[in-house]
Amino acid sequence: MIELRPSRRRKAIGIGCLCLGPVGLILPVLPGFIFVGLGTFILRDQYIWAYRGVGVIDRRWPHLIPGIEAREEKAMAWSDRQIDRVRGMLRRG
């Protein structure tokens, strides 16, 4: 059974990556397919469709999952740093 763990931060980052994906598919400077895959991977604990999408990726390209997990960790660490930075700015102001 799928265990969904709601998190606003993960949803915001995942949906942001999914929004950058199509832009990256059009613009040559952004790797769109990476953003689509990363957004789906981040949202796997939020939505059933994303969980199924990650299952397809895992069955077809199992060697990609460790790299995607590493990018997910980087994205979550980046968001933690940005949240801390904004909190620091709000405390000073």
PDB file of N, CA and C in Angstrom:
ATOM      1  N   MET A   1       0.839  -1.189   0.000  1.00  0.00           N
ATOM      2  CA  MET A   1       0.000   0.000   0.000  1.00  0.00           C
ATOM      3  C   MET A   1       0.882   1.249   0.000  1.00  0.00           C
ATOM      4  N   ILE A   2       0.414   2.254  -0.672  1.00  0.00           N
ATOM      5  CA  ILE A   2       1.138   3.511  -0.781  1.00  0.00           C
ATOM      6  C   ILE A   2       0.852   4.360   0.448  1.00  0.00           C
ATOM      7  N   GLU A   3       1.928   4.873   1.048  1.00  0.00           N
ATOM      8  CA  GLU A   3       1.773   5.764   2.193  1.00  0.00           C
ATOM      9  C   GLU A   3       2.035   7.192   1.731  1.00  0.00           C
ATOM     10  N   LEU A   4       0.974   8.001   1.668  1.00  0.00           N
ATOM     11  CA  LEU A   4       1.114   9.386   1.259  1.00  0.00           C
ATOM     12  C   LEU A   4       1.456  10.234   2.471  1.00  0.00           C
ATOM     13  N   ARG A   5       2.504  11.039   2.353  1.00  0.00           N
ATOM     14  CA  ARG A   5       2.937  11.915   3.436  1.00  0.00           C
ATOM     15  C   ARG A   5       2.854  13.357   2.956  1.00  0.00           C
ATOM     16  N   PRO A   6       1.763  14.056   3.283  1.00  0.00           N
ATOM     17  CA  PRO A   6       1.614  15.423   2.775  1.00  0.00           C
ATOM     18  C   PRO A   6       2.649  16.383   3.358  1.00  0.00           C
ATOM     19  N   SER A   7       3.171  17.235   2.495  1.00  0.00           N
ATOM     20  CA  SER A   7       4.145  18.233   2.890  1.00  0.00           C
ATOM     21  C   SER A   7       4.043  19.402   1.910  1.00  0.00           C
ATOM     22  N   ARG A   8       3.758  20.580   2.423  1.00  0.00           N
ATOM     23  CA  ARG A   8       3.612  21.753   1.554  1.00  0.00           C
ATOM     24  C   ARG A   8       4.920  22.080   0.852  1.00  0.00           C
ATOM     25  N   ARG A   9       6.024  21.958   1.563  1.00  0.00           N
ATOM     26  CA  ARG A   9       7.326  22.283   0.987  1.00  0.00           C
ATOM     27  C   ARG A   9       7.654  21.351  -0.172  1.00  0.00           C
ATOM     28  N   ARG A  10       7.449  20.048   0.009  1.00  0.00           N
ATOM     29  CA  ARG A  10       7.727  19.087  -1.057  1.00  0.00           C
ATOM     30  C   ARG A  10       6.807  19.326  -2.253  1.00  0.00           C
ATOM     31  N   LYS A  11       5.545  19.654  -1.984  1.00  0.00           N
ATOM     32  CA  LYS A  11       4.621  19.946  -3.073  1.00  0.00           C
ATOM     33  C   LYS A  11       5.068  21.185  -3.835  1.00  0.00           C
ATOM     34  N   ALA A  12       5.486  22.218  -3.126  1.00  0.00           N
ATOM     35  CA  ALA A  12       5.920  23.451  -3.787  1.00  0.00           C
ATOM     36  C   ALA A  12       7.154  23.203  -4.655  1.00  0.00           C
ATOM     37  N   ILE A  13       8.126  22.479  -4.132  1.00  0.00           N
ATOM     38  CA  ILE A  13       9.347  22.205  -4.898  1.00  0.00           C
ATOM     39  C   ILE A  13       9.030  21.294  -6.085  1.00  0.00           C
ATOM     40  N   GLY A  14       8.241  20.258  -5.859  1.00  0.00           N
ATOM     41  CA  GLY A  14       7.901  19.332  -6.937  1.00  0.00           C
ATOM     42  C   GLY A  14       7.110  19.986  -8.054  1.00  0.00           C
ATOM     43  N   ILE A  15       6.124  20.778  -7.697  1.00  0.00           N
ATOM     44  CA  ILE A  15       5.323  21.455  -8.713  1.00  0.00           C
ATOM     45  C   ILE A  15       6.168  22.510  -9.428  1.00  0.00           C
ATOM     46  N   GLY A  16       7.066  23.169  -8.696  1.00  0.00           N
ATOM     47  CA  GLY A  16       7.981  24.110  -9.335  1.00  0.00           C
ATOM     48  C   GLY A  16       8.861  23.432 -10.370  1.00  0.00           C
ATOM     49  N   CYS A  17       9.375  22.248 -10.032  1.00  0.00           N
ATOM     50  CA  CYS A  17      10.190  21.490 -10.995  1.00  0.00           C
ATOM     51  C   CYS A  17       9.355  21.068 -12.199  1.00  0.00           C
ATOM     52  N   LEU A  18       8.115  20.647 -11.950  1.00  0.00           N
ATOM     53  CA  LEU A  18       7.258  20.255 -13.067  1.00  0.00           C
ATOM     54  C   LEU A  18       6.931  21.443 -13.962  1.00  0.00           C
ATOM     55  N   CYS A  19       6.838  22.633 -13.401  1.00  0.00           N
ATOM     56  CA  CYS A  19       6.589  23.831 -14.213  1.00  0.00           C
ATOM     57  C   CYS A  19       7.826  24.219 -15.021  1.00  0.00           C
ATOM     58  N   LEU A  20       9.005  24.004 -14.471  1.00  0.00           N
ATOM     59  CA  LEU A  20      10.240  24.310 -15.209  1.00  0.00           C
ATOM     60  C   LEU A  20      10.520  23.288 -16.308  1.00  0.00           C
ATOM     61  N   GLY A  21       9.972  22.094 -16.178  1.00  0.00           N
ATOM     62  CA  GLY A  21      10.228  21.031 -17.148  1.00  0.00           C
ATOM     63  C   GLY A  21       9.846  21.396 -18.568  1.00  0.00           C
ATOM     64  N   PRO A  22       8.591  21.781 -18.826  1.00  0.00           N
ATOM     65  CA  PRO A  22       8.220  22.153 -20.207  1.00  0.00           C
ATOM     66  C   PRO A  22       8.995  23.362 -20.733  1.00  0.00           C
ATOM     67  N   VAL A  23       9.308  24.302 -19.840  1.00  0.00           N
ATOM     68  CA  VAL A  23      10.120  25.450 -20.250  1.00  0.00           C
ATOM     69  C   VAL A  23      11.498  24.958 -20.681  1.00  0.00           C
ATOM     70  N   GLY A  24      12.041  24.028 -19.936  1.00  0.00           N
ATOM     71  CA  GLY A  24      13.346  23.476 -20.273  1.00  0.00           C
ATOM     72  C   GLY A  24      13.340  22.643 -21.537  1.00  0.00           C
ATOM     73  N   LEU A  25      12.197  22.052 -21.859  1.00  0.00           N
ATOM     74  CA  LEU A  25      12.112  21.297 -23.106  1.00  0.00           C
ATOM     75  C   LEU A  25      12.133  22.229 -24.313  1.00  0.00           C
ATOM     76  N   ILE A  26      11.686  23.476 -24.124  1.00  0.00           N
ATOM     77  CA  ILE A  26      11.666  24.452 -25.214  1.00  0.00           C
ATOM     78  C   ILE A  26      12.986  25.216 -25.293  1.00  0.00           C
ATOM     79  N   LEU A  27      13.481  25.676 -24.139  1.00  0.00           N
ATOM     80  CA  LEU A  27      14.721  26.457 -24.109  1.00  0.00           C
ATOM     81  C   LEU A  27      15.932  25.527 -24.077  1.00  0.00           C
ATOM     82  N   PRO A  28      16.955  25.841 -24.830  1.00  0.00           N
ATOM     83  CA  PRO A  28      18.111  24.941 -24.873  1.00  0.00           C
ATOM     84  C   PRO A  28      19.027  25.018 -23.647  1.00  0.00           C
ATOM     85  N   VAL A  29      18.836  25.991 -22.758  1.00  0.00           N
ATOM     86  CA  VAL A  29      19.741  26.135 -21.616  1.00  0.00           C
ATOM     87  C   VAL A  29      19.284  25.370 -20.385  1.00  0.00           C
ATOM     88  N   LEU A  30      18.021  24.943 -20.339  1.00  0.00           N
ATOM     89  CA  LEU A  30      17.505  24.184 -19.199  1.00  0.00           C
ATOM     90  C   LEU A  30      17.273  22.730 -19.596  1.00  0.00           C
ATOM     91  N   PRO A  31      17.719  21.775 -18.789  1.00  0.00           N
ATOM     92  CA  PRO A  31      17.448  20.360 -19.091  1.00  0.00           C
ATOM     93  C   PRO A  31      16.037  19.981 -18.626  1.00  0.00           C
ATOM     94  N   GLY A  32      15.065  20.115 -19.494  1.00  0.00           N
ATOM     95  CA  GLY A  32      13.664  19.932 -19.130  1.00  0.00           C
ATOM     96  C   GLY A  32      13.315  18.561 -18.613  1.00  0.00           C
ATOM     97  N   PHE A  33      13.846  17.523 -19.244  1.00  0.00           N
ATOM     98  CA  PHE A  33      13.495  16.166 -18.827  1.00  0.00           C
ATOM     99  C   PHE A  33      13.974  15.882 -17.403  1.00  0.00           C
ATOM    100  N   ILE A  34      15.068  16.516 -16.991  1.00  0.00           N
ATOM    101  CA  ILE A  34      15.557  16.327 -15.627  1.00  0.00           C
ATOM    102  C   ILE A  34      14.587  16.959 -14.630  1.00  0.00           C
ATOM    103  N   PHE A  35      14.072  18.147 -14.953  1.00  0.00           N
ATOM    104  CA  PHE A  35      13.127  18.805 -14.061  1.00  0.00           C
ATOM    105  C   PHE A  35      11.821  18.023 -13.962  1.00  0.00           C
ATOM    106  N   VAL A  36      11.365  17.463 -15.066  1.00  0.00           N
ATOM    107  CA  VAL A  36      10.138  16.665 -15.039  1.00  0.00           C
ATOM    108  C   VAL A  36      10.344  15.419 -14.177  1.00  0.00           C
ATOM    109  N   GLY A  37      11.453  14.728 -14.379  1.00  0.00           N
ATOM    110  CA  GLY A  37      11.745  13.536 -13.583  1.00  0.00           C
ATOM    111  C   GLY A  37      11.932  13.846 -12.114  1.00  0.00           C
ATOM    112  N   LEU A  38      12.642  14.929 -11.824  1.00  0.00           N
ATOM    113  CA  LEU A  38      12.877  15.310 -10.437  1.00  0.00           C
ATOM    114  C   LEU A  38      11.576  15.723  -9.760  1.00  0.00           C
ATOM    115  N   GLY A  39      10.750  16.495 -10.464  1.00  0.00           N
ATOM    116  CA  GLY A  39       9.463  16.899  -9.895  1.00  0.00           C
ATOM    117  C   GLY A  39       8.574  15.712  -9.597  1.00  0.00           C
ATOM    118  N   THR A  40       8.542  14.757 -10.505  1.00  0.00           N
ATOM    119  CA  THR A  40       7.751  13.543 -10.285  1.00  0.00           C
ATOM    120  C   THR A  40       8.308  12.755  -9.108  1.00  0.00           C
ATOM    121  N   PHE A  41       9.618  12.668  -9.025  1.00  0.00           N
ATOM    122  CA  PHE A  41      10.239  11.917  -7.935  1.00  0.00           C
ATOM    123  C   PHE A  41       9.971  12.580  -6.582  1.00  0.00           C
ATOM    124  N   ILE A  42      10.048  13.900  -6.517  1.00  0.00           N
ATOM    125  CA  ILE A  42       9.790  14.615  -5.263  1.00  0.00           C
ATOM    126  C   ILE A  42       8.333  14.454  -4.838  1.00  0.00           C
ATOM    127  N   LEU A  43       7.437  14.404  -5.802  1.00  0.00           N
ATOM    128  CA  LEU A  43       6.005  14.296  -5.493  1.00  0.00           C
ATOM    129  C   LEU A  43       5.531  12.866  -5.283  1.00  0.00           C
ATOM    130  N   ARG A  44       6.431  11.890  -5.325  1.00  0.00           N
ATOM    131  CA  ARG A  44       6.020  10.484  -5.220  1.00  0.00           C
ATOM    132  C   ARG A  44       5.340  10.163  -3.897  1.00  0.00           C
ATOM    133  N   ASP A  45       5.662  10.893  -2.822  1.00  0.00           N
ATOM    134  CA  ASP A  45       5.014  10.667  -1.528  1.00  0.00           C
ATOM    135  C   ASP A  45       3.784  11.541  -1.338  1.00  0.00           C
ATOM    136  N   GLN A  46       3.456  12.358  -2.346  1.00  0.00           N
ATOM    137  CA  GLN A  46       2.347  13.287  -2.242  1.00  0.00           C
ATOM    138  C   GLN A  46       1.125  12.848  -3.059  1.00  0.00           C
ATOM    139  N   TYR A  47       1.376  12.268  -4.226  1.00  0.00           N
ATOM    140  CA  TYR A  47       0.305  11.913  -5.158  1.00  0.00           C
ATOM    141  C   TYR A  47       0.511  10.508  -5.695  1.00  0.00           C
ATOM    142  N   ILE A  48      -0.591   9.811  -5.921  1.00  0.00           N
ATOM    143  CA  ILE A  48      -0.529   8.441  -6.429  1.00  0.00           C
ATOM    144  C   ILE A  48       0.010   8.412  -7.856  1.00  0.00           C
ATOM    145  N   TRP A  49      -0.373   9.387  -8.701  1.00  0.00           N
ATOM    146  CA  TRP A  49       0.109   9.400 -10.083  1.00  0.00           C
ATOM    147  C   TRP A  49       1.627   9.545 -10.136  1.00  0.00           C
ATOM    148  N   ALA A  50       2.199  10.312  -9.206  1.00  0.00           N
ATOM    149  CA  ALA A  50       3.652  10.475  -9.182  1.00  0.00           C
ATOM    150  C   ALA A  50       4.326   9.181  -8.721  1.00  0.00           C
ATOM    151  N   TYR A  51       3.723   8.499  -7.768  1.00  0.00           N
ATOM    152  CA  TYR A  51       4.258   7.218  -7.297  1.00  0.00           C
ATOM    153  C   TYR A  51       4.298   6.210  -8.443  1.00  0.00           C
ATOM    154  N   ARG A  52       3.230   6.184  -9.225  1.00  0.00           N
ATOM    155  CA  ARG A  52       3.198   5.278 -10.376  1.00  0.00           C
ATOM    156  C   ARG A  52       4.236   5.673 -11.421  1.00  0.00           C
ATOM    157  N   GLY A  53       4.413   6.982 -11.610  1.00  0.00           N
ATOM    158  CA  GLY A  53       5.418   7.456 -12.570  1.00  0.00           C
ATOM    159  C   GLY A  53       6.820   7.054 -12.167  1.00  0.00           C
ATOM    160  N   VAL A  54       7.120   7.133 -10.884  1.00  0.00           N
ATOM    161  CA  VAL A  54       8.436   6.715 -10.400  1.00  0.00           C
ATOM    162  C   VAL A  54       8.593   5.208 -10.560  1.00  0.00           C
ATOM    163  N   GLY A  55       7.494   4.471 -10.399  1.00  0.00           N
ATOM    164  CA  GLY A  55       7.541   3.026 -10.620  1.00  0.00           C
ATOM    165  C   GLY A  55       7.910   2.689 -12.055  1.00  0.00           C
ATOM    166  N   VAL A  56       7.382   3.460 -12.999  1.00  0.00           N
ATOM    167  CA  VAL A  56       7.717   3.249 -14.411  1.00  0.00           C
ATOM    168  C   VAL A  56       9.199   3.538 -14.643  1.00  0.00           C
ATOM    169  N   ILE A  57       9.689   4.638 -14.064  1.00  0.00           N
ATOM    170  CA  ILE A  57      11.108   4.985 -14.204  1.00  0.00           C
ATOM    171  C   ILE A  57      11.984   3.888 -13.597  1.00  0.00           C
ATOM    172  N   ASP A  58      11.578   3.392 -12.427  1.00  0.00           N
ATOM    173  CA  ASP A  58      12.367   2.365 -11.744  1.00  0.00           C
ATOM    174  C   ASP A  58      12.403   1.058 -12.537  1.00  0.00           C
ATOM    175  N   ARG A  59      11.296   0.699 -13.139  1.00  0.00           N
ATOM    176  CA  ARG A  59      11.280  -0.543 -13.925  1.00  0.00           C
ATOM    177  C   ARG A  59      12.066  -0.398 -15.221  1.00  0.00           C
ATOM    178  N   ARG A  60      11.965   0.756 -15.844  1.00  0.00           N
ATOM    179  CA  ARG A  60      12.607   0.922 -17.151  1.00  0.00           C
ATOM    180  C   ARG A  60      14.086   1.286 -17.036  1.00  0.00           C
ATOM    181  N   TRP A  61      14.411   2.193 -16.108  1.00  0.00           N
ATOM    182  CA  TRP A  61      15.786   2.662 -15.941  1.00  0.00           C
ATOM    183  C   TRP A  61      16.180   2.610 -14.469  1.00  0.00           C
ATOM    184  N   PRO A  62      16.384   1.430 -13.898  1.00  0.00           N
ATOM    185  CA  PRO A  62      16.686   1.339 -12.461  1.00  0.00           C
ATOM    186  C   PRO A  62      17.995   2.012 -12.064  1.00  0.00           C
ATOM    187  N   HIS A  63      18.927   2.151 -12.985  1.00  0.00           N
ATOM    188  CA  HIS A  63      20.206   2.784 -12.669  1.00  0.00           C
ATOM    189  C   HIS A  63      20.075   4.297 -12.469  1.00  0.00           C
ATOM    190  N   LEU A  64      18.956   4.897 -12.873  1.00  0.00           N
ATOM    191  CA  LEU A  64      18.765   6.340 -12.725  1.00  0.00           C
ATOM    192  C   LEU A  64      18.285   6.750 -11.329  1.00  0.00           C
ATOM    193  N   ILE A  65      17.688   5.845 -10.591  1.00  0.00           N
ATOM    194  CA  ILE A  65      17.079   6.175  -9.303  1.00  0.00           C
ATOM    195  C   ILE A  65      18.091   6.752  -8.309  1.00  0.00           C
ATOM    196  N   PRO A  66      19.296   6.194  -8.130  1.00  0.00           N
ATOM    197  CA  PRO A  66      20.238   6.811  -7.184  1.00  0.00           C
ATOM    198  C   PRO A  66      20.602   8.256  -7.543  1.00  0.00           C
ATOM    199  N   GLY A  67      20.758   8.544  -8.822  1.00  0.00           N
ATOM    200  CA  GLY A  67      21.060   9.911  -9.241  1.00  0.00           C
ATOM    201  C   GLY A  67      19.907  10.857  -8.963  1.00  0.00           C
ATOM    202  N   ILE A  68      18.688  10.381  -9.194  1.00  0.00           N
ATOM    203  CA  ILE A  68      17.513  11.211  -8.934  1.00  0.00           C
ATOM    204  C   ILE A  68      17.378  11.453  -7.434  1.00  0.00           C
ATOM    205  N   GLU A  69      17.633  10.434  -6.623  1.00  0.00           N
ATOM    206  CA  GLU A  69      17.573  10.614  -5.167  1.00  0.00           C
ATOM    207  C   GLU A  69      18.610  11.637  -4.704  1.00  0.00           C
ATOM    208  N   ALA A  70      19.790  11.630  -5.299  1.00  0.00           N
ATOM    209  CA  ALA A  70      20.818  12.610  -4.933  1.00  0.00           C
ATOM    210  C   ALA A  70      20.371  14.015  -5.301  1.00  0.00           C
ATOM    211  N   ARG A  71      19.759  14.180  -6.466  1.00  0.00           N
ATOM    212  CA  ARG A  71      19.263  15.496  -6.867  1.00  0.00           C
ATOM    213  C   ARG A  71      18.115  15.944  -5.975  1.00  0.00           C
ATOM    214  N   GLU A  72      17.283  14.990  -5.550  1.00  0.00           N
ATOM    215  CA  GLU A  72      16.189  15.330  -4.637  1.00  0.00           C
ATOM    216  C   GLU A  72      16.753  15.855  -3.317  1.00  0.00           C
ATOM    217  N   GLU A  73      17.767  15.196  -2.800  1.00  0.00           N
ATOM    218  CA  GLU A  73      18.386  15.647  -1.549  1.00  0.00           C
ATOM    219  C   GLU A  73      18.967  17.052  -1.705  1.00  0.00           C
ATOM    220  N   LYS A  74      19.599  17.316  -2.849  1.00  0.00           N
ATOM    221  CA  LYS A  74      20.145  18.655  -3.095  1.00  0.00           C
ATOM    222  C   LYS A  74      19.035  19.694  -3.142  1.00  0.00           C
ATOM    223  N   ALA A  75      17.928  19.362  -3.796  1.00  0.00           N
ATOM    224  CA  ALA A  75      16.810  20.303  -3.891  1.00  0.00           C
ATOM    225  C   ALA A  75      16.213  20.577  -2.512  1.00  0.00           C
ATOM    226  N   MET A  76      16.077  19.547  -1.698  1.00  0.00           N
ATOM    227  CA  MET A  76      15.516  19.742  -0.355  1.00  0.00           C
ATOM    228  C   MET A  76      16.483  20.535   0.521  1.00  0.00           C
ATOM    229  N   ALA A  77      17.784  20.281   0.408  1.00  0.00           N
ATOM    230  CA  ALA A  77      18.772  21.045   1.176  1.00  0.00           C
ATOM    231  C   ALA A  77      18.773  22.504   0.729  1.00  0.00           C
ATOM    232  N   TRP A  78      18.642  22.748  -0.570  1.00  0.00           N
ATOM    233  CA  TRP A  78      18.577  24.118  -1.082  1.00  0.00           C
ATOM    234  C   TRP A  78      17.366  24.833  -0.510  1.00  0.00           C
ATOM    235  N   SER A  79      16.212  24.143  -0.480  1.00  0.00           N
ATOM    236  CA  SER A  79      15.011  24.790   0.064  1.00  0.00           C
ATOM    237  C   SER A  79      15.166  25.069   1.553  1.00  0.00           C
ATOM    238  N   ASP A  80      15.827  24.186   2.282  1.00  0.00           N
ATOM    239  CA  ASP A  80      16.079  24.444   3.702  1.00  0.00           C
ATOM    240  C   ASP A  80      16.931  25.691   3.886  1.00  0.00           C
ATOM    241  N   ARG A  81      17.963  25.838   3.064  1.00  0.00           N
ATOM    242  CA  ARG A  81      18.820  27.028   3.154  1.00  0.00           C
ATOM    243  C   ARG A  81      18.051  28.297   2.819  1.00  0.00           C
ATOM    244  N   GLN A  82      17.182  28.231   1.822  1.00  0.00           N
ATOM    245  CA  GLN A  82      16.412  29.412   1.438  1.00  0.00           C
ATOM    246  C   GLN A  82      15.402  29.788   2.520  1.00  0.00           C
ATOM    247  N   ILE A  83      14.783  28.798   3.124  1.00  0.00           N
ATOM    248  CA  ILE A  83      13.833  29.067   4.206  1.00  0.00           C
ATOM    249  C   ILE A  83      14.556  29.694   5.386  1.00  0.00           C
ATOM    250  N   ASP A  84      15.725  29.166   5.749  1.00  0.00           N
ATOM    251  CA  ASP A  84      16.507  29.740   6.843  1.00  0.00           C
ATOM    252  C   ASP A  84      16.928  31.167   6.522  1.00  0.00           C
ATOM    253  N   ARG A  85      17.302  31.410   5.272  1.00  0.00           N
ATOM    254  CA  ARG A  85      17.716  32.753   4.870  1.00  0.00           C
ATOM    255  C   ARG A  85      16.562  33.748   4.983  1.00  0.00           C
ATOM    256  N   VAL A  86      15.378  33.353   4.539  1.00  0.00           N
ATOM    257  CA  VAL A  86      14.219  34.237   4.630  1.00  0.00           C
ATOM    258  C   VAL A  86      13.824  34.469   6.078  1.00  0.00           C
ATOM    259  N   ARG A  87      13.875  33.432   6.884  1.00  0.00           N
ATOM    260  CA  ARG A  87      13.559  33.592   8.318  1.00  0.00           C
ATOM    261  C   ARG A  87      14.532  34.554   8.980  1.00  0.00           C
ATOM    262  N   GLY A  88      15.822  34.452   8.619  1.00  0.00           N
ATOM    263  CA  GLY A  88      16.817  35.371   9.159  1.00  0.00           C
ATOM    264  C   GLY A  88      16.550  36.800   8.751  1.00  0.00           C
ATOM    265  N   MET A  89      16.140  37.002   7.513  1.00  0.00           N
ATOM    266  CA  MET A  89      15.824  38.348   7.026  1.00  0.00           C
ATOM    267  C   MET A  89      14.601  38.908   7.742  1.00  0.00           C
ATOM    268  N   LEU A  90      13.611  38.056   8.011  1.00  0.00           N
ATOM    269  CA  LEU A  90      12.402  38.516   8.685  1.00  0.00           C
ATOM    270  C   LEU A  90      12.660  38.849  10.144  1.00  0.00           C
ATOM    271  N   ARG A  91      13.560  38.121  10.785  1.00  0.00           N
ATOM    272  CA  ARG A  91      13.880  38.386  12.192  1.00  0.00           C
ATOM    273  C   ARG A  91      14.602  39.714  12.335  1.00  0.00           C
ATOM    274  N   ARG A  92      15.468  40.040  11.399  1.00  0.00           N
ATOM    275  CA  ARG A  92      16.229  41.297  11.469  1.00  0.00           C
ATOM    276  C   ARG A  92      15.327  42.497  11.178  1.00  0.00           C
ATOM    277  N   GLY A  93      14.363  42.291  10.301  1.00  0.00           N
ATOM    278  CA  GLY A  93      13.540  43.413   9.846  1.00  0.00           C
ATOM    279  C   GLY A  93      12.440  43.704  10.761  1.00  0.00           C
TER     280      GLY A  93
END
